Amino acid sequence: MGKSLLLQEFKSFAMRGNVIDMAVGVIIGGAFGKIVSSIVADVIMPPIGLLIGGVNFADLKWVMKAAEIGADGKQIAAVTLNYGNFLQATFDFLIIAFSIFLFVKLLSRMSKKSEAPVAAPAPPAPTKEELLLAEIRDLLREKK
């Protein structure tokens, strides 16, 4: 009995419009992220790398301990701090964040244009009772 209630609650939660909209947004955001990452890696970073002397940011690293051959003849990998990957991820983030900012700004501008100014509704005509009360008020003012 408890399981079916839990399943029903989950189904009602999962089928709400905002949850489905959020899921669609996450999927589209992931695809958009791949597009922007490609733009950054394939279009923007090569000219920047060329301008700063052909440096590929992903290859930038600080070797803290060089690779060496152990006593048993096996190679021990180098210990490196890969700050180039961090720089690349930071550039990706900044460009994605800026792109999303521009997209949201565009959407808000479009939604403002589509919303036509709504004229205030005309006040309703006074009822017979309101007209009668207004006459009584005016008569009382004249007596004073």
C-alpha atoms as a PDB file:
ATOM      1  CA  MET A   1       0.000   0.000   0.000  1.00  0.00           C
ATOM      2  CA  GLY A   2       2.829   2.403   0.910  1.00  0.00           C
ATOM      3  CA  LYS A   3       4.736   1.670  -2.307  1.00  0.00           C
ATOM      4  CA  SER A   4       1.795   2.506  -4.538  1.00  0.00           C
ATOM      5  CA  LEU A   5       1.250   5.806  -2.715  1.00  0.00           C
ATOM      6  CA  LEU A   6       4.936   6.618  -3.074  1.00  0.00           C
ATOM      7  CA  LEU A   7       4.812   5.761  -6.792  1.00  0.00           C
ATOM      8  CA  GLN A   8       1.707   7.906  -7.270  1.00  0.00           C
ATOM      9  CA  GLU A   9       3.367  10.848  -5.524  1.00  0.00           C
ATOM     10  CA  PHE A  10       6.493  10.411  -7.630  1.00  0.00           C
ATOM     11  CA  LYS A  11       4.427  10.212 -10.818  1.00  0.00           C
ATOM     12  CA  SER A  12       2.539  13.403  -9.952  1.00  0.00           C
ATOM     13  CA  PHE A  13       5.857  15.114  -9.144  1.00  0.00           C
ATOM     14  CA  ALA A  14       7.583  13.935 -12.325  1.00  0.00           C
ATOM     15  CA  MET A  15       4.669  14.878 -14.550  1.00  0.00           C
ATOM     16  CA  ARG A  16       4.404  18.449 -13.362  1.00  0.00           C
ATOM     17  CA  GLY A  17       5.058  20.940 -16.102  1.00  0.00           C
ATOM     18  CA  ASN A  18       7.976  22.659 -14.409  1.00  0.00           C
ATOM     19  CA  VAL A  19       9.877  19.386 -13.854  1.00  0.00           C
ATOM     20  CA  ILE A  20       9.477  18.366 -17.480  1.00  0.00           C
ATOM     21  CA  ASP A  21      10.454  21.868 -18.620  1.00  0.00           C
ATOM     22  CA  MET A  22      13.539  21.693 -16.409  1.00  0.00           C
ATOM     23  CA  ALA A  23      14.504  18.302 -17.860  1.00  0.00           C
ATOM     24  CA  VAL A  24      14.157  19.652 -21.397  1.00  0.00           C
ATOM     25  CA  GLY A  25      16.247  22.668 -20.383  1.00  0.00           C
ATOM     26  CA  VAL A  26      19.004  20.450 -18.979  1.00  0.00           C
ATOM     27  CA  ILE A  27      19.119  18.364 -22.166  1.00  0.00           C
ATOM     28  CA  ILE A  28      19.185  21.424 -24.420  1.00  0.00           C
ATOM     29  CA  GLY A  29      21.746  23.043 -22.117  1.00  0.00           C
ATOM     30  CA  GLY A  30      24.018  20.012 -22.449  1.00  0.00           C
ATOM     31  CA  ALA A  31      23.802  20.155 -26.223  1.00  0.00           C
ATOM     32  CA  PHE A  32      24.351  23.913 -26.160  1.00  0.00           C
ATOM     33  CA  GLY A  33      27.383  23.398 -23.923  1.00  0.00           C
ATOM     34  CA  LYS A  34      28.906  21.029 -26.477  1.00  0.00           C
ATOM     35  CA  ILE A  35      28.375  23.572 -29.246  1.00  0.00           C
ATOM     36  CA  VAL A  36      29.968  26.369 -27.226  1.00  0.00           C
ATOM     37  CA  SER A  37      32.844  24.105 -26.149  1.00  0.00           C
ATOM     38  CA  SER A  38      33.484  23.337 -29.809  1.00  0.00           C
ATOM     39  CA  ILE A  39      33.395  27.026 -30.685  1.00  0.00           C
ATOM     40  CA  VAL A  40      35.869  27.748 -27.906  1.00  0.00           C
ATOM     41  CA  ALA A  41      38.221  24.840 -28.668  1.00  0.00           C
ATOM     42  CA  ASP A  42      38.035  24.913 -32.474  1.00  0.00           C
ATOM     43  CA  VAL A  43      37.352  28.549 -33.377  1.00  0.00           C
ATOM     44  CA  ILE A  44      38.351  30.923 -30.587  1.00  0.00           C
ATOM     45  CA  MET A  45      41.356  29.274 -28.925  1.00  0.00           C
ATOM     46  CA  PRO A  46      43.484  28.578 -32.064  1.00  0.00           C
ATOM     47  CA  PRO A  47      43.758  32.292 -32.969  1.00  0.00           C
ATOM     48  CA  ILE A  48      44.446  33.174 -29.329  1.00  0.00           C
ATOM     49  CA  GLY A  49      47.113  30.481 -29.194  1.00  0.00           C
ATOM     50  CA  LEU A  50      48.585  31.833 -32.432  1.00  0.00           C
ATOM     51  CA  LEU A  51      48.642  35.367 -31.040  1.00  0.00           C
ATOM     52  CA  ILE A  52      50.543  34.257 -27.941  1.00  0.00           C
ATOM     53  CA  GLY A  53      53.070  32.199 -29.863  1.00  0.00           C
ATOM     54  CA  GLY A  54      51.363  28.955 -30.809  1.00  0.00           C
ATOM     55  CA  VAL A  55      50.714  27.843 -27.246  1.00  0.00           C
ATOM     56  CA  ASN A  56      48.046  25.166 -26.805  1.00  0.00           C
ATOM     57  CA  PHE A  57      46.438  25.823 -23.436  1.00  0.00           C
ATOM     58  CA  ALA A  58      45.629  22.157 -22.835  1.00  0.00           C
ATOM     59  CA  ASP A  59      49.363  21.348 -23.003  1.00  0.00           C
ATOM     60  CA  LEU A  60      50.361  23.881 -20.345  1.00  0.00           C
ATOM     61  CA  LYS A  61      51.531  22.148 -17.191  1.00  0.00           C
ATOM     62  CA  TRP A  62      54.032  22.409 -14.402  1.00  0.00           C
ATOM     63  CA  VAL A  63      56.121  19.283 -13.934  1.00  0.00           C
ATOM     64  CA  MET A  64      56.487  18.839 -10.186  1.00  0.00           C
ATOM     65  CA  LYS A  65      58.350  15.550 -10.479  1.00  0.00           C
ATOM     66  CA  ALA A  66      59.774  14.208 -13.724  1.00  0.00           C
ATOM     67  CA  ALA A  67      58.984  10.736 -14.994  1.00  0.00           C
ATOM     68  CA  GLU A  68      61.545   8.154 -13.977  1.00  0.00           C
ATOM     69  CA  ILE A  69      62.354   4.498 -14.312  1.00  0.00           C
ATOM     70  CA  GLY A  70      61.856   2.512 -11.124  1.00  0.00           C
ATOM     71  CA  ALA A  71      64.258  -0.118  -9.723  1.00  0.00           C
ATOM     72  CA  ASP A  72      62.123  -2.852 -11.300  1.00  0.00           C
ATOM     73  CA  GLY A  73      62.460  -1.260 -14.758  1.00  0.00           C
ATOM     74  CA  LYS A  74      58.892   0.111 -14.927  1.00  0.00           C
ATOM     75  CA  GLN A  75      58.321   3.721 -15.799  1.00  0.00           C
ATOM     76  CA  ILE A  76      56.864   5.909 -13.060  1.00  0.00           C
ATOM     77  CA  ALA A  77      54.667   8.647 -14.524  1.00  0.00           C
ATOM     78  CA  ALA A  78      55.521  12.297 -14.021  1.00  0.00           C
ATOM     79  CA  VAL A  79      53.630  14.301 -11.441  1.00  0.00           C
ATOM     80  CA  THR A  80      52.246  17.383 -13.168  1.00  0.00           C
ATOM     81  CA  LEU A  81      49.985  20.279 -12.329  1.00  0.00           C
ATOM     82  CA  ASN A  82      47.851  20.738 -15.475  1.00  0.00           C
ATOM     83  CA  TYR A  83      46.928  24.397 -15.180  1.00  0.00           C
ATOM     84  CA  GLY A  84      46.338  24.586 -18.950  1.00  0.00           C
ATOM     85  CA  ASN A  85      43.252  22.398 -18.628  1.00  0.00           C
ATOM     86  CA  PHE A  86      42.043  24.711 -15.868  1.00  0.00           C
ATOM     87  CA  LEU A  87      42.557  27.766 -18.092  1.00  0.00           C
ATOM     88  CA  GLN A  88      40.710  26.047 -20.934  1.00  0.00           C
ATOM     89  CA  ALA A  89      37.785  25.139 -18.663  1.00  0.00           C
ATOM     90  CA  THR A  90      37.701  28.710 -17.330  1.00  0.00           C
ATOM     91  CA  PHE A  91      37.577  30.158 -20.866  1.00  0.00           C
ATOM     92  CA  ASP A  92      34.830  27.668 -21.749  1.00  0.00           C
ATOM     93  CA  PHE A  93      32.816  28.682 -18.687  1.00  0.00           C
ATOM     94  CA  LEU A  94      33.174  32.408 -19.328  1.00  0.00           C
ATOM     95  CA  ILE A  95      32.125  32.084 -22.956  1.00  0.00           C
ATOM     96  CA  ILE A  96      29.194  29.782 -22.103  1.00  0.00           C
ATOM     97  CA  ALA A  97      28.051  32.101 -19.298  1.00  0.00           C
ATOM     98  CA  PHE A  98      28.285  35.137 -21.578  1.00  0.00           C
ATOM     99  CA  SER A  99      26.406  33.309 -24.357  1.00  0.00           C
ATOM    100  CA  ILE A 100      23.618  32.319 -21.963  1.00  0.00           C
ATOM    101  CA  PHE A 101      23.479  35.898 -20.658  1.00  0.00           C
ATOM    102  CA  LEU A 102      23.024  37.212 -24.202  1.00  0.00           C
ATOM    103  CA  PHE A 103      20.425  34.518 -24.974  1.00  0.00           C
ATOM    104  CA  VAL A 104      18.364  35.328 -21.858  1.00  0.00           C
ATOM    105  CA  LYS A 105      18.647  39.040 -22.600  1.00  0.00           C
ATOM    106  CA  LEU A 106      17.389  38.402 -26.143  1.00  0.00           C
ATOM    107  CA  LEU A 107      14.483  36.308 -24.847  1.00  0.00           C
ATOM    108  CA  SER A 108      13.468  38.951 -22.320  1.00  0.00           C
ATOM    109  CA  ARG A 109      13.616  41.652 -24.990  1.00  0.00           C
ATOM    110  CA  MET A 110      11.468  39.533 -27.316  1.00  0.00           C
ATOM    111  CA  SER A 111       8.933  38.829 -24.581  1.00  0.00           C
ATOM    112  CA  LYS A 112       8.656  42.552 -23.782  1.00  0.00           C
ATOM    113  CA  LYS A 113       7.969  43.335 -27.439  1.00  0.00           C
ATOM    114  CA  SER A 114       5.327  40.631 -27.717  1.00  0.00           C
ATOM    115  CA  GLU A 115       3.472  41.941 -24.693  1.00  0.00           C
ATOM    116  CA  ALA A 116       1.310  44.752 -26.029  1.00  0.00           C
ATOM    117  CA  PRO A 117       0.396  47.374 -23.460  1.00  0.00           C
ATOM    118  CA  VAL A 118      -2.989  46.508 -22.099  1.00  0.00           C
ATOM    119  CA  ALA A 119      -5.374  49.442 -21.720  1.00  0.00           C
ATOM    120  CA  ALA A 120      -6.915  49.760 -18.312  1.00  0.00           C
ATOM    121  CA  PRO A 121     -10.494  48.511 -18.350  1.00  0.00           C
ATOM    122  CA  ALA A 122     -13.131  51.208 -18.190  1.00  0.00           C
ATOM    123  CA  PRO A 123     -14.694  51.537 -14.792  1.00  0.00           C
ATOM    124  CA  PRO A 124     -18.085  49.867 -14.612  1.00  0.00           C
ATOM    125  CA  ALA A 125     -21.148  52.057 -14.902  1.00  0.00           C
ATOM    126  CA  PRO A 126     -22.637  52.987 -11.526  1.00  0.00           C
ATOM    127  CA  THR A 127     -25.559  50.877 -10.379  1.00  0.00           C
ATOM    128  CA  LYS A 128     -28.973  52.350  -9.669  1.00  0.00           C
ATOM    129  CA  GLU A 129     -28.255  52.196  -5.957  1.00  0.00           C
ATOM    130  CA  GLU A 130     -24.995  54.098  -6.381  1.00  0.00           C
ATOM    131  CA  LEU A 131     -26.781  56.767  -8.436  1.00  0.00           C
ATOM    132  CA  LEU A 132     -29.478  57.091  -5.781  1.00  0.00           C
ATOM    133  CA  LEU A 133     -26.887  57.380  -3.013  1.00  0.00           C
ATOM    134  CA  ALA A 134     -25.044  60.039  -4.992  1.00  0.00           C
ATOM    135  CA  GLU A 135     -28.281  62.035  -5.357  1.00  0.00           C
ATOM    136  CA  ILE A 136     -28.937  61.763  -1.628  1.00  0.00           C
ATOM    137  CA  ARG A 137     -25.361  62.895  -0.902  1.00  0.00           C
ATOM    138  CA  ASP A 138     -25.736  65.876  -3.208  1.00  0.00           C
ATOM    139  CA  LEU A 139     -29.066  66.861  -1.617  1.00  0.00           C
ATOM    140  CA  LEU A 140     -27.540  66.670   1.861  1.00  0.00           C
ATOM    141  CA  ARG A 141     -24.648  68.904   0.740  1.00  0.00           C
ATOM    142  CA  GLU A 142     -27.114  71.472  -0.647  1.00  0.00           C
ATOM    143  CA  LYS A 143     -29.003  71.584   2.670  1.00  0.00           C
ATOM    144  CA  LYS A 144     -25.830  72.455   4.575  1.00  0.00           C
END
